[in-house]
C-alpha atoms as a PDB file:
ATOM      1  CA  MET A   1     108.806   9.412   8.930  1.00  0.00           C
ATOM      2  CA  ALA A   2     106.586   9.403  12.027  1.00  0.00           C
ATOM      3  CA  ALA A   3     109.624   9.221  14.298  1.00  0.00           C
ATOM      4  CA  VAL A   4     111.305  12.118  12.487  1.00  0.00           C
ATOM      5  CA  GLU A   5     108.124  14.186  12.548  1.00  0.00           C
ATOM      6  CA  GLU A   6     107.691  13.689  16.276  1.00  0.00           C
ATOM      7  CA  GLU A   7     111.278  14.695  16.961  1.00  0.00           C
ATOM      8  CA  ARG A   8     110.915  17.865  14.874  1.00  0.00           C
ATOM      9  CA  THR A   9     107.566  19.144  16.051  1.00  0.00           C
ATOM     10  CA  ALA A  10     107.334  18.188  19.716  1.00  0.00           C
ATOM     11  CA  PRO A  11     108.598  20.630  22.372  1.00  0.00           C
ATOM     12  CA  THR A  12     112.292  20.053  23.083  1.00  0.00           C
ATOM     13  CA  ASP A  13     113.036  21.147  26.652  1.00  0.00           C
ATOM     14  CA  GLU A  14     116.324  19.479  27.614  1.00  0.00           C
ATOM     15  CA  ARG A  15     116.993  21.405  30.829  1.00  0.00           C
ATOM     16  CA  PRO A  16     118.020  19.215  33.803  1.00  0.00           C
ATOM     17  CA  GLY A  17     115.007  18.114  35.804  1.00  0.00           C
ATOM     18  CA  LYS A  18     112.543  18.905  32.999  1.00  0.00           C
ATOM     19  CA  ALA A  19     110.543  16.420  30.948  1.00  0.00           C
ATOM     20  CA  MET A  20     112.164  15.533  27.616  1.00  0.00           C
ATOM     21  CA  THR A  21     110.818  14.469  24.254  1.00  0.00           C
ATOM     22  CA  ILE A  22     111.880  11.175  22.725  1.00  0.00           C
ATOM     23  CA  GLY A  23     114.195  13.022  20.329  1.00  0.00           C
ATOM     24  CA  ALA A  24     115.815  14.905  23.204  1.00  0.00           C
ATOM     25  CA  VAL A  25     116.311  11.637  25.085  1.00  0.00           C
ATOM     26  CA  CYS A  26     118.099  10.151  22.051  1.00  0.00           C
ATOM     27  CA  LYS A  27     120.369  13.184  21.921  1.00  0.00           C
ATOM     28  CA  ALA A  28     121.079  13.097  25.656  1.00  0.00           C
ATOM     29  CA  LEU A  29     122.012   9.395  25.685  1.00  0.00           C
ATOM     30  CA  GLY A  30     123.662   9.270  22.266  1.00  0.00           C
ATOM     31  CA  GLN A  31     127.206   9.754  23.540  1.00  0.00           C
ATOM     32  CA  GLU A  32     127.047   6.732  25.850  1.00  0.00           C
ATOM     33  CA  PHE A  33     124.860   4.649  23.509  1.00  0.00           C
ATOM     34  CA  PRO A  34     125.728   5.515  19.865  1.00  0.00           C
ATOM     35  CA  ASP A  35     123.225   2.990  18.489  1.00  0.00           C
ATOM     36  CA  ILE A  36     120.228   4.410  20.345  1.00  0.00           C
ATOM     37  CA  SER A  37     117.315   5.442  18.150  1.00  0.00           C
ATOM     38  CA  ILE A  38     113.729   6.578  18.448  1.00  0.00           C
ATOM     39  CA  SER A  39     112.530   3.234  17.097  1.00  0.00           C
ATOM     40  CA  LYS A  40     114.545   1.355  19.731  1.00  0.00           C
ATOM     41  CA  ILE A  41     113.053   3.440  22.541  1.00  0.00           C
ATOM     42  CA  ARG A  42     109.583   2.860  21.114  1.00  0.00           C
ATOM     43  CA  TYR A  43     110.271  -0.868  20.979  1.00  0.00           C
ATOM     44  CA  LEU A  44     111.186  -0.880  24.688  1.00  0.00           C
ATOM     45  CA  GLU A  45     107.966   1.004  25.332  1.00  0.00           C
ATOM     46  CA  ASP A  46     106.031  -1.620  23.349  1.00  0.00           C
ATOM     47  CA  GLN A  47     107.601  -4.251  25.603  1.00  0.00           C
ATOM     48  CA  LYS A  48     106.214  -2.411  28.666  1.00  0.00           C
ATOM     49  CA  LEU A  49     109.666  -1.515  29.969  1.00  0.00           C
ATOM     50  CA  LEU A  50     109.029   2.235  29.646  1.00  0.00           C
ATOM     51  CA  GLU A  51     105.862   4.221  30.282  1.00  0.00           C
ATOM     52  CA  PRO A  52     106.412   7.900  29.459  1.00  0.00           C
ATOM     53  CA  ARG A  53     103.483  10.235  29.905  1.00  0.00           C
ATOM     54  CA  ARG A  54     101.759  11.722  26.874  1.00  0.00           C
ATOM     55  CA  THR A  55     100.789  15.267  26.071  1.00  0.00           C
ATOM     56  CA  PRO A  56      97.232  16.013  24.866  1.00  0.00           C
ATOM     57  CA  GLY A  57      98.741  16.070  21.367  1.00  0.00           C
ATOM     58  CA  GLY A  58     100.099  12.531  21.809  1.00  0.00           C
ATOM     59  CA  TYR A  59     103.794  13.360  22.218  1.00  0.00           C
ATOM     60  CA  ARG A  60     105.879  11.304  24.625  1.00  0.00           C
ATOM     61  CA  LEU A  61     107.437  13.186  27.525  1.00  0.00           C
ATOM     62  CA  TYR A  62     110.149  11.475  29.538  1.00  0.00           C
ATOM     63  CA  ALA A  63     110.742  12.497  33.146  1.00  0.00           C
ATOM     64  CA  GLN A  64     114.247  12.234  34.589  1.00  0.00           C
ATOM     65  CA  SER A  65     113.203   8.968  36.252  1.00  0.00           C
ATOM     66  CA  ASP A  66     112.204   7.614  32.817  1.00  0.00           C
ATOM     67  CA  VAL A  67     115.591   8.586  31.380  1.00  0.00           C
ATOM     68  CA  ALA A  68     117.389   6.927  34.318  1.00  0.00           C
ATOM     69  CA  ARG A  69     115.315   3.778  33.780  1.00  0.00           C
ATOM     70  CA  LEU A  70     116.141   3.776  30.065  1.00  0.00           C
ATOM     71  CA  ARG A  71     119.842   4.213  30.825  1.00  0.00           C
ATOM     72  CA  THR A  72     119.655   1.232  33.184  1.00  0.00           C
ATOM     73  CA  ILE A  73     117.990  -0.903  30.502  1.00  0.00           C
ATOM     74  CA  LEU A  74     120.529   0.032  27.852  1.00  0.00           C
ATOM     75  CA  ARG A  75     123.470  -0.661  30.170  1.00  0.00           C
ATOM     76  CA  MET A  76     122.103  -4.082  31.102  1.00  0.00           C
ATOM     77  CA  GLN A  77     121.686  -4.904  27.413  1.00  0.00           C
ATOM     78  CA  ARG A  78     125.126  -3.614  26.429  1.00  0.00           C
ATOM     79  CA  ASP A  79     127.257  -4.702  29.402  1.00  0.00           C
ATOM     80  CA  GLU A  80     125.536  -7.878  30.565  1.00  0.00           C
ATOM     81  CA  PHE A  81     123.597  -9.042  27.484  1.00  0.00           C
ATOM     82  CA  LEU A  82     120.505  -9.571  29.625  1.00  0.00           C
ATOM     83  CA  PRO A  83     117.314 -10.562  27.796  1.00  0.00           C
ATOM     84  CA  LEU A  84     114.265  -8.371  28.327  1.00  0.00           C
ATOM     85  CA  ARG A  85     112.696 -10.951  30.655  1.00  0.00           C
ATOM     86  CA  VAL A  86     115.634 -10.689  33.052  1.00  0.00           C
ATOM     87  CA  ILE A  87     115.767  -6.907  32.699  1.00  0.00           C
ATOM     88  CA  ARG A  88     112.122  -6.748  33.804  1.00  0.00           C
ATOM     89  CA  GLN A  89     113.011  -8.762  36.885  1.00  0.00           C
ATOM     90  CA  GLU A  90     115.999  -6.552  37.667  1.00  0.00           C
ATOM     91  CA  LEU A  91     113.912  -3.403  37.359  1.00  0.00           C
ATOM     92  CA  ALA A  92     111.136  -4.892  39.477  1.00  0.00           C
ATOM     93  CA  SER A  93     113.689  -5.619  42.202  1.00  0.00           C
ATOM     94  CA  GLY A  94     114.582  -1.920  42.296  1.00  0.00           C
ATOM     95  CA  ARG A  95     117.799  -1.918  40.300  1.00  0.00           C
ATOM     96  CA  MET A  96     118.584   1.464  38.723  1.00  0.00           C
ATOM     97  CA  ASP A  97     121.401   3.306  36.951  1.00  0.00           C
ATOM     98  CA  GLY A  98     122.942   0.178  35.483  1.00  0.00           C
ATOM     99  CA  GLY A  99     124.159  -1.450  38.698  1.00  0.00           C
ATOM    100  CA  GLU A 100     127.477  -3.277  38.693  1.00  0.00           C
ATOM    101  CA  PRO A 101     128.257  -5.255  35.518  1.00  0.00           C
ATOM    102  CA  THR A 102     130.714  -7.529  37.281  1.00  0.00           C
ATOM    103  CA  VAL A 103     130.805  -9.454  40.559  1.00  0.00           C
ATOM    104  CA  PRO A 104     133.776 -10.907  42.463  1.00  0.00           C
ATOM    105  CA  THR A 105     135.105 -14.287  41.387  1.00  0.00           C
ATOM    106  CA  PRO A 106     133.891 -16.796  43.996  1.00  0.00           C
ATOM    107  CA  SER A 107     137.134 -18.718  44.191  1.00  0.00           C
ATOM    108  CA  ALA A 108     140.700 -17.433  44.001  1.00  0.00           C
ATOM    109  CA  ASP A 109     141.873 -20.878  42.866  1.00  0.00           C
ATOM    110  CA  ALA A 110     139.338 -20.902  40.040  1.00  0.00           C
ATOM    111  CA  ALA A 111     140.634 -17.513  38.976  1.00  0.00           C
ATOM    112  CA  GLY A 112     144.163 -18.748  38.659  1.00  0.00           C
ATOM    113  CA  GLY A 113     145.148 -17.444  42.091  1.00  0.00           C
ATOM    114  CA  ASP A 114     144.186 -13.850  41.334  1.00  0.00           C
ATOM    115  CA  ALA A 115     141.403 -12.969  43.775  1.00  0.00           C
ATOM    116  CA  ALA A 116     141.079  -9.508  42.264  1.00  0.00           C
ATOM    117  CA  ARG A 117     139.763 -10.865  38.989  1.00  0.00           C
ATOM    118  CA  THR A 118     136.091 -10.417  38.213  1.00  0.00           C
ATOM    119  CA  ARG A 119     133.649 -12.394  36.170  1.00  0.00           C
ATOM    120  CA  ARG A 120     130.796 -11.249  33.998  1.00  0.00           C
ATOM    121  CA  ARG A 121     127.368 -11.650  35.431  1.00  0.00           C
ATOM    122  CA  PRO A 122     125.584 -14.528  33.623  1.00  0.00           C
ATOM    123  CA  SER A 123     122.596 -13.340  31.632  1.00  0.00           C
ATOM    124  CA  VAL A 124     120.668 -16.565  32.228  1.00  0.00           C
ATOM    125  CA  SER A 125     121.012 -19.709  34.262  1.00  0.00           C
ATOM    126  CA  VAL A 126     122.043 -22.868  32.413  1.00  0.00           C
ATOM    127  CA  THR A 127     120.360 -25.140  34.950  1.00  0.00           C
ATOM    128  CA  GLY A 128     116.772 -24.735  33.784  1.00  0.00           C
ATOM    129  CA  GLY A 129     114.487 -23.152  31.226  1.00  0.00           C
ATOM    130  CA  GLY A 130     112.013 -21.663  33.703  1.00  0.00           C
ATOM    131  CA  ALA A 131     108.259 -21.605  33.089  1.00  0.00           C
ATOM    132  CA  LEU A 132     106.591 -23.062  30.012  1.00  0.00           C
ATOM    133  CA  TYR A 133     104.370 -21.100  27.620  1.00  0.00           C
ATOM    134  CA  SER A 134     101.876 -22.302  25.042  1.00  0.00           C
ATOM    135  CA  LEU A 135     102.040 -21.188  21.431  1.00  0.00           C
ATOM    136  CA  ASP A 136      99.158 -18.761  22.005  1.00  0.00           C
ATOM    137  CA  ASP A 137     100.945 -17.258  25.008  1.00  0.00           C
ATOM    138  CA  VAL A 138     104.166 -16.808  23.037  1.00  0.00           C
ATOM    139  CA  VAL A 139     102.372 -15.225  20.073  1.00  0.00           C
ATOM    140  CA  GLU A 140     100.527 -12.812  22.347  1.00  0.00           C
ATOM    141  CA  ASP A 141     103.652 -11.874  24.313  1.00  0.00           C
ATOM    142  CA  THR A 142     106.134 -11.553  21.435  1.00  0.00           C
ATOM    143  CA  ARG A 143     103.740 -10.534  18.629  1.00  0.00           C
ATOM    144  CA  ALA A 144     105.428 -13.138  16.441  1.00  0.00           C
ATOM    145  CA  GLU A 145     103.610 -14.681  13.503  1.00  0.00           C
ATOM    146  CA  PRO A 146     102.834 -18.389  14.073  1.00  0.00           C
ATOM    147  CA  SER A 147     104.374 -19.069  10.660  1.00  0.00           C
ATOM    148  CA  LEU A 148     107.680 -17.564  11.879  1.00  0.00           C
ATOM    149  CA  ILE A 149     107.654 -19.798  14.955  1.00  0.00           C
ATOM    150  CA  ALA A 150     107.000 -22.836  12.743  1.00  0.00           C
ATOM    151  CA  GLU A 151     109.909 -21.778  10.529  1.00  0.00           C
ATOM    152  CA  LEU A 152     112.217 -21.514  13.546  1.00  0.00           C
ATOM    153  CA  GLU A 153     111.276 -25.052  14.531  1.00  0.00           C
ATOM    154  CA  GLU A 154     111.832 -26.277  10.989  1.00  0.00           C
ATOM    155  CA  TYR A 155     115.413 -24.974  10.990  1.00  0.00           C
ATOM    156  CA  GLY A 156     116.170 -26.178  14.520  1.00  0.00           C
ATOM    157  CA  VAL A 157     116.472 -22.750  16.110  1.00  0.00           C
ATOM    158  CA  ILE A 158     113.853 -23.709  18.720  1.00  0.00           C
ATOM    159  CA  LYS A 159     112.336 -27.085  19.556  1.00  0.00           C
ATOM    160  CA  GLY A 160     109.487 -26.682  22.005  1.00  0.00           C
ATOM    161  CA  GLU A 161     108.049 -29.521  24.069  1.00  0.00           C
ATOM    162  CA  ASN A 162     104.870 -31.511  23.482  1.00  0.00           C
ATOM    163  CA  ARG A 163     102.707 -32.153  26.530  1.00  0.00           C
ATOM    164  CA  ALA A 164      99.319 -33.782  26.210  1.00  0.00           C
ATOM    165  CA  GLY A 165      99.147 -32.770  22.571  1.00  0.00           C
ATOM    166  CA  THR A 166     100.022 -29.130  23.223  1.00  0.00           C
ATOM    167  CA  LYS A 167     103.317 -27.494  22.243  1.00  0.00           C
ATOM    168  CA  TYR A 168     105.086 -25.480  24.948  1.00  0.00           C
ATOM    169  CA  TYR A 169     108.184 -23.278  24.896  1.00  0.00           C
ATOM    170  CA  ASP A 170     110.444 -22.362  27.797  1.00  0.00           C
ATOM    171  CA  GLU A 171     111.492 -18.827  28.709  1.00  0.00           C
ATOM    172  CA  THR A 172     114.728 -18.976  26.727  1.00  0.00           C
ATOM    173  CA  GLU A 173     112.934 -20.067  23.565  1.00  0.00           C
ATOM    174  CA  ARG A 174     110.339 -17.356  24.103  1.00  0.00           C
ATOM    175  CA  GLU A 175     113.119 -14.742  24.231  1.00  0.00           C
ATOM    176  CA  ILE A 176     114.675 -16.263  21.081  1.00  0.00           C
ATOM    177  CA  ILE A 177     111.332 -15.850  19.319  1.00  0.00           C
ATOM    178  CA  ARG A 178     111.092 -12.265  20.569  1.00  0.00           C
ATOM    179  CA  ALA A 179     114.570 -11.453  19.212  1.00  0.00           C
ATOM    180  CA  VAL A 180     113.894 -13.122  15.870  1.00  0.00           C
ATOM    181  CA  THR A 181     110.625 -11.195  15.580  1.00  0.00           C
ATOM    182  CA  GLU A 182     112.670  -7.996  15.755  1.00  0.00           C
ATOM    183  CA  LEU A 183     115.080  -9.346  13.114  1.00  0.00           C
ATOM    184  CA  ALA A 184     112.143 -10.323  10.917  1.00  0.00           C
ATOM    185  CA  ARG A 185     111.334  -6.627  10.525  1.00  0.00           C
ATOM    186  CA  TYR A 186     114.547  -6.433   8.484  1.00  0.00           C
ATOM    187  CA  GLY A 187     113.746  -9.450   6.373  1.00  0.00           C
ATOM    188  CA  VAL A 188     115.718 -12.002   8.416  1.00  0.00           C
ATOM    189  CA  GLY A 189     113.997 -15.399   8.445  1.00  0.00           C
ATOM    190  CA  GLY A 190     114.550 -18.834   9.927  1.00  0.00           C
ATOM    191  CA  ARG A 191     116.735 -19.917   7.015  1.00  0.00           C
ATOM    192  CA  ASN A 192     119.154 -17.052   7.736  1.00  0.00           C
ATOM    193  CA  LEU A 193     119.458 -18.112  11.373  1.00  0.00           C
ATOM    194  CA  ARG A 194     121.062 -21.477  10.695  1.00  0.00           C
ATOM    195  CA  ALA A 195     124.464 -19.791  10.966  1.00  0.00           C
ATOM    196  CA  PHE A 196     123.593 -18.657  14.506  1.00  0.00           C
ATOM    197  CA  ARG A 197     122.416 -22.164  15.400  1.00  0.00           C
ATOM    198  CA  THR A 198     125.598 -23.740  14.058  1.00  0.00           C
ATOM    199  CA  SER A 199     127.778 -21.218  15.877  1.00  0.00           C
ATOM    200  CA  ALA A 200     125.951 -21.805  19.160  1.00  0.00           C
ATOM    201  CA  ASP A 201     126.328 -25.592  18.807  1.00  0.00           C
ATOM    202  CA  ARG A 202     130.078 -25.264  18.256  1.00  0.00           C
ATOM    203  CA  GLU A 203     130.531 -22.918  21.207  1.00  0.00           C
ATOM    204  CA  ALA A 204     128.506 -25.178  23.493  1.00  0.00           C
ATOM    205  CA  ALA A 205     130.641 -28.154  22.433  1.00  0.00           C
ATOM    206  CA  LEU A 206     133.832 -26.192  23.155  1.00  0.00           C
ATOM    207  CA  LEU A 207     132.684 -25.143  26.638  1.00  0.00           C
ATOM    208  CA  GLN A 208     131.544 -28.686  27.359  1.00  0.00           C
ATOM    209  CA  GLN A 209     134.979 -29.983  26.383  1.00  0.00           C
ATOM    210  CA  ILE A 210     136.678 -27.485  28.709  1.00  0.00           C
ATOM    211  CA  LEU A 211     134.516 -28.311  31.752  1.00  0.00           C
ATOM    212  CA  ALA A 212     133.445 -31.906  31.066  1.00  0.00           C
ATOM    213  CA  PRO A 213     135.492 -33.541  33.883  1.00  0.00           C
ATOM    214  CA  ALA A 214     134.148 -31.151  36.518  1.00  0.00           C
ATOM    215  CA  LEU A 215     130.574 -31.372  35.225  1.00  0.00           C
ATOM    216  CA  ARG A 216     130.735 -35.186  35.504  1.00  0.00           C
ATOM    217  CA  SER A 217     132.236 -35.096  39.005  1.00  0.00           C
ATOM    218  CA  ARG A 218     130.434 -36.871  41.830  1.00  0.00           C
ATOM    219  CA  ASN A 219     131.434 -34.039  44.135  1.00  0.00           C
ATOM    220  CA  VAL A 220     128.421 -31.746  44.488  1.00  0.00           C
ATOM    221  CA  GLU A 221     130.513 -28.649  45.219  1.00  0.00           C
ATOM    222  CA  ARG A 222     132.772 -29.269  42.246  1.00  0.00           C
ATOM    223  CA  ARG A 223     129.776 -29.640  39.925  1.00  0.00           C
ATOM    224  CA  LYS A 224     128.293 -26.431  41.335  1.00  0.00           C
ATOM    225  CA  GLU A 225     131.554 -24.574  40.683  1.00  0.00           C
ATOM    226  CA  ALA A 226     131.646 -26.028  37.164  1.00  0.00           C
ATOM    227  CA  VAL A 227     128.132 -24.734  36.423  1.00  0.00           C
ATOM    228  CA  GLU A 228     129.116 -21.271  37.675  1.00  0.00           C
ATOM    229  CA  ALA A 229     132.245 -21.401  35.519  1.00  0.00           C
ATOM    230  CA  LEU A 230     130.130 -22.480  32.533  1.00  0.00           C
ATOM    231  CA  GLU A 231     127.817 -19.484  32.985  1.00  0.00           C
ATOM    232  CA  ASN A 232     130.819 -17.184  33.345  1.00  0.00           C
ATOM    233  CA  LEU A 233     132.468 -18.577  30.208  1.00  0.00           C
ATOM    234  CA  ALA A 234     129.202 -18.182  28.293  1.00  0.00           C
ATOM    235  CA  ALA A 235     129.044 -14.502  29.286  1.00  0.00           C
ATOM    236  CA  VAL A 236     132.685 -13.933  28.336  1.00  0.00           C
ATOM    237  CA  THR A 237     132.340 -15.634  24.940  1.00  0.00           C
ATOM    238  CA  THR A 238     129.176 -13.646  24.258  1.00  0.00           C
ATOM    239  CA  HIS A 239     131.063 -10.439  25.021  1.00  0.00           C
ATOM    240  CA  LEU A 240     133.903 -11.548  22.744  1.00  0.00           C
ATOM    241  CA  LYS A 241     131.497 -12.222  19.873  1.00  0.00           C
ATOM    242  CA  HIS A 242     129.973  -8.799  20.392  1.00  0.00           C
ATOM    243  CA  LEU A 243     133.382  -7.122  20.183  1.00  0.00           C
ATOM    244  CA  LEU A 244     134.354  -9.052  17.057  1.00  0.00           C
ATOM    245  CA  LEU A 245     131.055  -8.149  15.418  1.00  0.00           C
ATOM    246  CA  ILE A 246     131.455  -4.451  16.249  1.00  0.00           C
ATOM    247  CA  ARG A 247     134.989  -4.521  14.830  1.00  0.00           C
ATOM    248  CA  ASP A 248     133.789  -6.006  11.546  1.00  0.00           C
ATOM    249  CA  LEU A 249     130.788  -3.688  11.299  1.00  0.00           C
ATOM    250  CA  ARG A 250     133.046  -0.674  11.731  1.00  0.00           C
ATOM    251  CA  LYS A 251     135.023  -1.902   8.739  1.00  0.00           C
ATOM    252  CA  ILE A 252     131.802  -2.161   6.729  1.00  0.00           C
ATOM    253  CA  VAL A 253     130.788   1.430   7.438  1.00  0.00           C
ATOM    254  CA  GLY A 254     134.316   2.633   6.668  1.00  0.00           C
END
């Protein structure tokens, strides 16, 4: 109700170059992003990705630069499946207006001789998990309940790593916890996520089977190309799953 009330009562100046309310922003971006909502924009604000100014009455007002930043975030989520951690890095590096979702294929031979083909930009690297975070750090950053994190470990969704008696989680696991925390708002728990875990295991096994010879090669360059191909395949399969899900959801809503 709070979101609806804000959209109804706040000033609604949508003229180009003027500050916009959160409801006006939803309306302006709705054609390109049909699933955008006030709650989603607020969530991105909670994650410190957006910082609109506030009126004395507490209403959010988005400048055109805020709207452009939001459009960039939404495009990176939709087109490249980037986690919020990576999106923060992209924004910090100055990327705006969505950038390019694809980059040239590095090798014409790897692309089946078609140098014009493109590959999806990998959302994460498969060669390392990045920094490690303690349980307290993860709870503070993601606002997850410790009991939810314990449940995710129980069902094998995350594993963590024990060091000197302290449990640590890498950046990927932290982003998994962040995503599950959002799902938990809808009543989705660790038990429900076993299907995701099983699906991910099967996909990883399939990609390993496809690239196993190259990944085991003693040739450094060939292994490097195999890792790049693995990241590319992961991005493509993620996109395929997204399309299949959207197709089935459209059937559900009629």
